[in-house]
Amino acid sequence: MNAGVVIAERLGPLGYGAASIGNLYREVADEQSDAALEAAWHGGIRYFDTAPHYGLGLSERRLGTFLRSRPREEYVISTKVGRVLDPNPDFNGGDDLAFDFAVPNTTMRRFDPSESGVRRSIDESLERLGLDRIDIAYLHDPDVYDLDRGIAEGLPALARLRDEGVVGAIGIGTNDADAAARAVREGDLDLVMVAGRYTLLEQPALDELLPLCEQRGVGVVVAAVFNSGLLATDTPDENARYNYGPVPDEVLGHARRLADACRAAGVSLPEAAMQYPLQHPAVHSVVAGSARAADIRQNIARVHAPLPAGFWDGLRSAGLVP
């Protein structure tokens, strides 16, 4: 059994996504961040996902501080490469809210999937996290910048770091199922993290990505199971976020039909949203995050909530999911 498979099997059904403790959308006090992480740990979560992108390194620093007192062999940590952080020569007291993070923009992101860029990114992540190894390293959103270069340079650079034992497993993290499928076809990956493209609401990852991952033994982690918040409550709201923006009318209509079907079956919409991706054999874990301890405890309860027999068949029969 290869190292990637071993790591994938350690993830557990629910991982903690640490973007929120990087001050996603709003400032979060250290005490609140610690409380959220403590709730995750106490609730049995042992997979933590972060990235330099999240709060310009703040998420990694906070996560590293929290995990420093936990036994290293008990948890799995993933971070990402592709964006290096350079000093911002124009810093004048501004913030990073243009990228959705409420932190000072003392540094700026630069796409660099080169060998030197990937190694630098991992070295700096290790320093911020206070660790000597990374369990999983994902190439982060190469489709946003230059997918060709990401696959040609970034993935081979990660593979060499895996061969050297600096990282345990490698993959790609993206919102684009087609980009992820191409990376699986052309790279030597252990895992894929796909955000928002295999959810109760929409399943484009079924077209090629998930069958390909099954065929090649590549594990899948699903993020953004609430599609940026639309499925996070029992009554989808027109003011909720969808894919980080406003909700189109047809998408809102589908979400409300799903909510009605869940309600009729005695199931909460967020419970169904969290558990739906885990029905696929290629999916090892879903990742969700919040800076609120109460939200973390609620998500843990949701992912383990018993659902009535025949629930998924009912949604399929109604044409609400494939």
Protein backbone atom coordinates (compact mmCIF):
# COMPACT_ATOMS: atom_id res chain seq x y z
CA MET A 1 0.00 0.00 0.00
CA ASN A 2 1.53 3.34 -1.04
CA ALA A 3 1.97 6.25 1.34
CA GLY A 4 -0.78 8.28 -0.30
CA VAL A 5 -3.35 5.54 0.31
CA VAL A 6 -2.23 5.18 3.92
CA ILE A 7 -2.61 8.92 4.51
CA ALA A 8 -5.99 9.06 2.75
CA GLU A 9 -7.32 6.32 5.02
CA ARG A 10 -6.33 8.37 8.07
CA LEU A 11 -8.34 11.46 7.15
CA GLY A 12 -11.66 10.52 8.72
CA PRO A 13 -15.07 11.58 7.38
CA LEU A 14 -14.68 15.22 8.43
CA GLY A 15 -11.64 17.47 8.20
CA TYR A 16 -11.22 21.03 9.43
CA GLY A 17 -10.72 23.69 6.76
CA ALA A 18 -8.65 26.47 8.29
CA ALA A 19 -9.43 29.38 5.95
CA SER A 20 -11.73 30.93 8.55
CA ILE A 21 -8.96 31.24 11.13
CA GLY A 22 -7.00 33.15 8.51
CA ASN A 23 -9.55 35.94 9.02
CA LEU A 24 -11.73 34.98 6.08
CA TYR A 25 -14.17 37.89 5.55
CA ARG A 26 -13.65 39.25 9.08
CA GLU A 27 -11.15 39.55 11.92
CA VAL A 28 -11.02 36.62 14.33
CA ALA A 29 -9.43 36.91 17.76
CA ASP A 30 -6.76 34.40 18.74
CA GLU A 31 -8.98 33.14 21.55
CA GLN A 32 -11.82 32.46 19.12
CA SER A 33 -9.50 30.67 16.73
CA ASP A 34 -8.15 28.50 19.55
CA ALA A 35 -11.68 27.66 20.72
CA ALA A 36 -12.69 26.55 17.21
CA LEU A 37 -9.62 24.35 16.86
CA GLU A 38 -10.15 22.91 20.33
CA ALA A 39 -13.74 22.05 19.42
CA ALA A 40 -12.50 20.27 16.29
CA TRP A 41 -9.89 18.29 18.20
CA HIS A 42 -12.23 17.43 21.07
CA GLY A 43 -14.83 16.27 18.53
CA GLY A 44 -12.41 13.78 17.00
CA ILE A 45 -11.25 15.70 13.92
CA ARG A 46 -7.67 14.80 13.08
CA TYR A 47 -7.35 16.19 9.56
CA PHE A 48 -6.53 19.90 9.22
CA ASP A 49 -6.23 21.72 5.89
CA THR A 50 -4.61 25.11 5.46
CA ALA A 51 -2.71 27.20 2.87
CA PRO A 52 -0.39 30.23 2.66
CA HIS A 53 -3.21 31.96 0.76
CA TYR A 54 -5.44 31.89 3.86
CA GLY A 55 -4.78 35.20 5.57
CA LEU A 56 -1.31 35.58 4.02
CA GLY A 57 0.07 32.89 6.33
CA LEU A 58 -2.06 33.67 9.39
CA SER A 59 -4.01 30.41 9.13
CA GLU A 60 -0.81 28.34 9.06
CA ARG A 61 0.67 30.20 12.02
CA ARG A 62 -2.45 29.77 14.15
CA LEU A 63 -2.87 26.14 13.21
CA GLY A 64 0.79 25.40 13.90
CA THR A 65 0.61 27.03 17.32
CA PHE A 66 -2.43 24.96 18.23
CA LEU A 67 -1.04 21.64 17.01
CA ARG A 68 2.36 22.12 18.63
CA SER A 69 1.14 20.53 21.87
CA ARG A 70 -0.61 17.62 20.12
CA PRO A 71 1.11 14.30 19.31
CA ARG A 72 2.40 14.58 15.76
CA GLU A 73 1.46 11.02 14.86
CA GLU A 74 -2.19 11.63 15.77
CA TYR A 75 -3.11 14.17 13.07
CA VAL A 76 -2.81 14.77 9.33
CA ILE A 77 -2.07 18.23 7.99
CA SER A 78 -2.30 19.47 4.43
CA THR A 79 -1.17 22.77 2.99
CA LYS A 80 -0.76 24.11 -0.50
CA VAL A 81 1.81 25.41 -2.97
CA GLY A 82 1.60 27.57 -6.09
CA ARG A 83 1.27 30.98 -4.47
CA VAL A 84 4.40 32.32 -2.80
CA LEU A 85 4.22 35.31 -0.48
CA ASP A 86 6.51 38.23 -1.34
CA PRO A 87 6.94 41.47 0.63
CA ASN A 88 4.48 44.12 -0.56
CA PRO A 89 6.59 47.11 -1.65
CA ASP A 90 3.49 49.33 -1.68
CA PHE A 91 2.23 48.49 1.82
CA ASN A 92 0.78 51.59 3.46
CA GLY A 93 -1.43 50.17 6.18
CA GLY A 94 -3.91 48.49 3.84
CA ASP A 95 -5.67 45.15 4.10
CA ASP A 96 -6.21 42.00 2.04
CA LEU A 97 -10.00 42.21 1.78
CA ALA A 98 -9.77 42.30 -2.01
CA PHE A 99 -8.88 38.62 -1.57
CA ASP A 100 -11.48 38.17 1.23
CA PHE A 101 -9.06 38.15 4.18
CA ALA A 102 -9.13 40.77 6.94
CA VAL A 103 -5.36 40.97 7.48
CA PRO A 104 -2.75 43.64 6.69
CA ASN A 105 -1.44 43.19 3.17
CA THR A 106 2.20 43.35 4.20
CA THR A 107 2.86 40.55 1.71
CA MET A 108 1.42 39.77 -1.70
CA ARG A 109 0.74 36.54 -3.57
CA ARG A 110 2.71 35.55 -6.67
CA PHE A 111 1.98 32.48 -8.76
CA ASP A 112 5.14 30.36 -8.88
CA PRO A 113 4.80 26.63 -9.60
CA SER A 114 8.50 26.30 -10.45
CA GLU A 115 10.77 23.88 -8.61
CA SER A 116 12.30 26.72 -6.61
CA GLY A 117 8.90 28.29 -5.94
CA VAL A 118 7.37 25.03 -4.70
CA ARG A 119 10.35 24.28 -2.46
CA ARG A 120 10.33 27.80 -1.08
CA SER A 121 6.60 27.58 -0.41
CA ILE A 122 6.96 24.30 1.50
CA ASP A 123 9.94 25.60 3.48
CA GLU A 124 8.03 28.72 4.52
CA SER A 125 4.92 26.71 5.38
CA LEU A 126 7.01 24.39 7.56
CA GLU A 127 8.40 27.43 9.36
CA ARG A 128 4.97 28.98 9.93
CA LEU A 129 3.52 25.65 11.06
CA GLY A 130 6.50 24.78 13.22
CA LEU A 131 6.71 21.29 11.68
CA ASP A 132 9.42 19.21 10.02
CA ARG A 133 7.16 17.53 7.47
CA ILE A 134 3.88 18.04 5.62
CA ASP A 135 1.52 15.08 5.25
CA ILE A 136 -0.23 16.34 2.11
CA ALA A 137 0.75 19.16 -0.26
CA TYR A 138 -1.77 20.30 -2.88
CA LEU A 139 -1.03 22.47 -5.91
CA HIS A 140 -3.47 25.30 -5.18
CA ASP A 141 -5.78 26.67 -7.90
CA PRO A 142 -3.37 26.43 -10.85
CA ASP A 143 -6.36 26.83 -13.17
CA VAL A 144 -6.79 30.40 -11.88
CA TYR A 145 -3.34 31.31 -13.17
CA ASP A 146 -1.72 28.90 -15.64
CA LEU A 147 -2.87 25.28 -15.58
CA ASP A 148 -0.37 24.18 -18.24
CA ARG A 149 2.55 25.44 -16.21
CA GLY A 150 1.11 24.13 -12.98
CA ILE A 151 0.88 20.61 -14.37
CA ALA A 152 4.20 20.76 -16.23
CA GLU A 153 6.24 22.28 -13.36
CA GLY A 154 4.33 22.27 -10.09
CA LEU A 155 3.23 18.65 -9.98
CA PRO A 156 6.66 17.20 -10.86
CA ALA A 157 8.23 19.48 -8.22
CA LEU A 158 5.81 18.12 -5.64
CA ALA A 159 6.52 14.56 -6.75
CA ARG A 160 10.24 15.10 -6.12
CA LEU A 161 9.49 16.44 -2.63
CA ARG A 162 7.40 13.33 -2.01
CA ASP A 163 10.26 11.13 -3.19
CA GLU A 164 12.55 12.95 -0.76
CA GLY A 165 10.13 12.45 2.13
CA VAL A 166 9.54 16.16 2.68
CA VAL A 167 5.82 15.63 2.00
CA GLY A 168 3.92 12.39 2.39
CA ALA A 169 1.36 12.71 -0.41
CA ILE A 170 0.65 15.17 -3.20
CA GLY A 171 -2.36 16.40 -5.10
CA ILE A 172 -4.23 19.32 -6.59
CA GLY A 173 -6.75 21.59 -4.88
CA THR A 174 -9.19 23.40 -7.15
CA ASN A 175 -12.78 24.54 -7.74
CA ASP A 176 -12.63 23.19 -11.30
CA ALA A 177 -13.45 19.49 -11.81
CA ASP A 178 -12.07 19.48 -15.36
CA ALA A 179 -8.76 20.95 -14.22
CA ALA A 180 -8.54 18.33 -11.49
CA ALA A 181 -9.29 15.53 -13.97
CA ARG A 182 -6.55 16.75 -16.28
CA ALA A 183 -4.09 16.82 -13.38
CA VAL A 184 -5.00 13.22 -12.52
CA ARG A 185 -4.54 12.14 -16.14
CA GLU A 186 -1.19 13.89 -16.60
CA GLY A 187 0.33 13.85 -13.10
CA ASP A 188 1.30 11.27 -10.50
CA LEU A 189 -1.14 12.24 -7.77
CA ASP A 190 -2.24 10.65 -4.53
CA LEU A 191 -5.18 12.92 -3.74
CA VAL A 192 -7.48 15.55 -5.20
CA MET A 193 -9.25 18.24 -3.22
CA VAL A 194 -12.21 19.50 -5.20
CA ALA A 195 -14.26 22.40 -3.83
CA GLY A 196 -17.93 22.88 -4.65
CA ARG A 197 -18.03 20.53 -7.63
CA TYR A 198 -19.32 17.40 -5.94
CA THR A 199 -22.07 18.49 -3.58
CA LEU A 200 -25.71 17.77 -2.93
CA LEU A 201 -26.45 20.78 -5.14
CA GLU A 202 -24.26 19.98 -8.18
CA GLN A 203 -22.06 17.11 -9.33
CA PRO A 204 -19.87 17.98 -12.36
CA ALA A 205 -17.09 15.88 -10.79
CA LEU A 206 -19.15 12.80 -11.70
CA ASP A 207 -18.59 13.36 -15.41
CA GLU A 208 -14.91 12.45 -15.46
CA LEU A 209 -13.04 13.26 -12.26
CA LEU A 210 -14.50 10.75 -9.83
CA PRO A 211 -14.52 7.77 -12.24
CA LEU A 212 -10.92 8.59 -13.18
CA CYS A 213 -9.87 8.79 -9.52
CA GLU A 214 -11.53 5.44 -8.84
CA GLN A 215 -9.76 3.90 -11.81
CA ARG A 216 -6.33 5.22 -10.81
CA GLY A 217 -6.61 4.84 -7.05
CA VAL A 218 -6.50 8.59 -6.37
CA GLY A 219 -8.29 9.62 -3.17
CA VAL A 220 -10.74 12.52 -3.17
CA VAL A 221 -11.37 15.16 -0.51
CA VAL A 222 -14.47 17.30 -1.03
CA ALA A 223 -14.49 20.89 0.22
CA ALA A 224 -17.18 23.60 0.11
CA VAL A 225 -19.99 21.08 0.69
CA PHE A 226 -22.36 23.96 1.42
CA ASN A 227 -21.50 25.71 -1.86
CA SER A 228 -20.24 28.80 0.00
CA GLY A 229 -23.18 28.80 2.41
CA LEU A 230 -26.28 28.16 0.31
CA LEU A 231 -26.82 24.70 1.85
CA ALA A 232 -25.72 25.64 5.35
CA THR A 233 -29.25 26.24 6.66
CA ASP A 234 -32.52 24.33 6.35
CA THR A 235 -34.06 27.17 4.33
CA PRO A 236 -31.79 28.39 1.51
CA ASP A 237 -31.83 32.17 1.46
CA GLU A 238 -31.63 34.39 -1.61
CA ASN A 239 -29.00 36.47 0.22
CA ALA A 240 -26.73 33.47 0.87
CA ARG A 241 -23.43 33.10 -0.94
CA TYR A 242 -23.02 30.66 -3.82
CA ASN A 243 -19.54 30.09 -5.25
CA TYR A 244 -18.40 33.17 -3.32
CA GLY A 245 -21.02 35.37 -4.98
CA PRO A 246 -24.78 35.97 -5.42
CA VAL A 247 -27.13 33.00 -5.94
CA PRO A 248 -28.65 32.63 -9.44
CA ASP A 249 -32.42 32.12 -9.38
CA GLU A 250 -32.31 28.64 -10.91
CA VAL A 251 -29.68 27.49 -8.38
CA LEU A 252 -31.74 28.89 -5.51
CA GLY A 253 -34.80 27.06 -6.82
CA HIS A 254 -32.95 23.74 -6.91
CA ALA A 255 -31.57 24.28 -3.40
CA ARG A 256 -35.09 24.95 -2.10
CA ARG A 257 -36.43 21.79 -3.76
CA LEU A 258 -33.66 19.83 -2.06
CA ALA A 259 -34.54 21.47 1.25
CA ASP A 260 -38.21 20.54 0.83
CA ALA A 261 -37.34 16.91 0.11
CA CYS A 262 -35.02 16.75 3.11
CA ARG A 263 -37.64 18.29 5.37
CA ALA A 264 -40.25 15.77 4.20
CA ALA A 265 -37.86 12.95 5.13
CA GLY A 266 -37.07 14.43 8.54
CA VAL A 267 -33.50 15.30 7.56
CA SER A 268 -31.84 18.69 7.84
CA LEU A 269 -30.45 20.08 4.60
CA PRO A 270 -26.95 20.67 6.10
CA GLU A 271 -26.83 17.04 7.32
CA ALA A 272 -27.59 15.80 3.83
CA ALA A 273 -25.09 18.24 2.30
CA MET A 274 -22.29 17.04 4.56
CA GLN A 275 -22.98 13.34 4.05
CA TYR A 276 -23.79 13.27 0.34
CA PRO A 277 -20.19 13.34 -0.99
CA LEU A 278 -19.19 10.51 1.36
CA GLN A 279 -21.56 8.15 -0.47
CA HIS A 280 -19.09 7.94 -3.36
CA PRO A 281 -16.37 5.28 -2.94
CA ALA A 282 -13.58 7.59 -4.17
CA VAL A 283 -14.31 10.21 -1.49
CA HIS A 284 -12.36 9.79 1.75
CA SER A 285 -13.30 12.98 3.59
CA VAL A 286 -15.22 16.22 3.46
CA VAL A 287 -13.64 19.43 4.75
CA ALA A 288 -15.57 22.22 6.39
CA GLY A 289 -14.40 25.15 8.47
CA SER A 290 -15.56 27.90 10.74
CA ALA A 291 -13.99 30.18 13.31
CA ARG A 292 -16.94 29.48 15.64
CA ALA A 293 -16.63 26.55 18.03
CA ALA A 294 -20.40 26.03 18.02
CA ASP A 295 -20.37 25.63 14.22
CA ILE A 296 -17.62 23.02 14.46
CA ARG A 297 -19.54 20.99 17.02
CA GLN A 298 -22.65 21.26 14.85
CA ASN A 299 -20.79 20.05 11.75
CA ILE A 300 -19.40 17.07 13.66
CA ALA A 301 -22.94 16.15 14.70
CA ARG A 302 -24.18 16.61 11.12
CA VAL A 303 -21.64 14.32 9.52
CA HIS A 304 -22.48 11.54 11.97
CA ALA A 305 -26.27 12.04 12.07
CA PRO A 306 -28.24 8.87 11.16
CA LEU A 307 -30.36 9.26 8.03
CA PRO A 308 -33.53 7.28 7.33
CA ALA A 309 -33.31 4.15 5.22
CA GLY A 310 -33.93 4.89 1.55
CA PHE A 311 -33.22 8.61 1.89
CA TRP A 312 -30.70 8.79 -0.96
CA ASP A 313 -32.86 6.58 -3.18
CA GLY A 314 -35.72 8.98 -2.56
CA LEU A 315 -33.67 11.97 -3.75
CA ARG A 316 -32.57 10.04 -6.82
CA SER A 317 -36.13 8.94 -7.62
CA ALA A 318 -37.24 12.57 -7.41
CA GLY A 319 -34.51 13.57 -9.87
CA LEU A 320 -32.83 15.80 -7.30
CA VAL A 321 -29.45 14.03 -7.43
CA PRO A 322 -27.98 11.68 -10.05
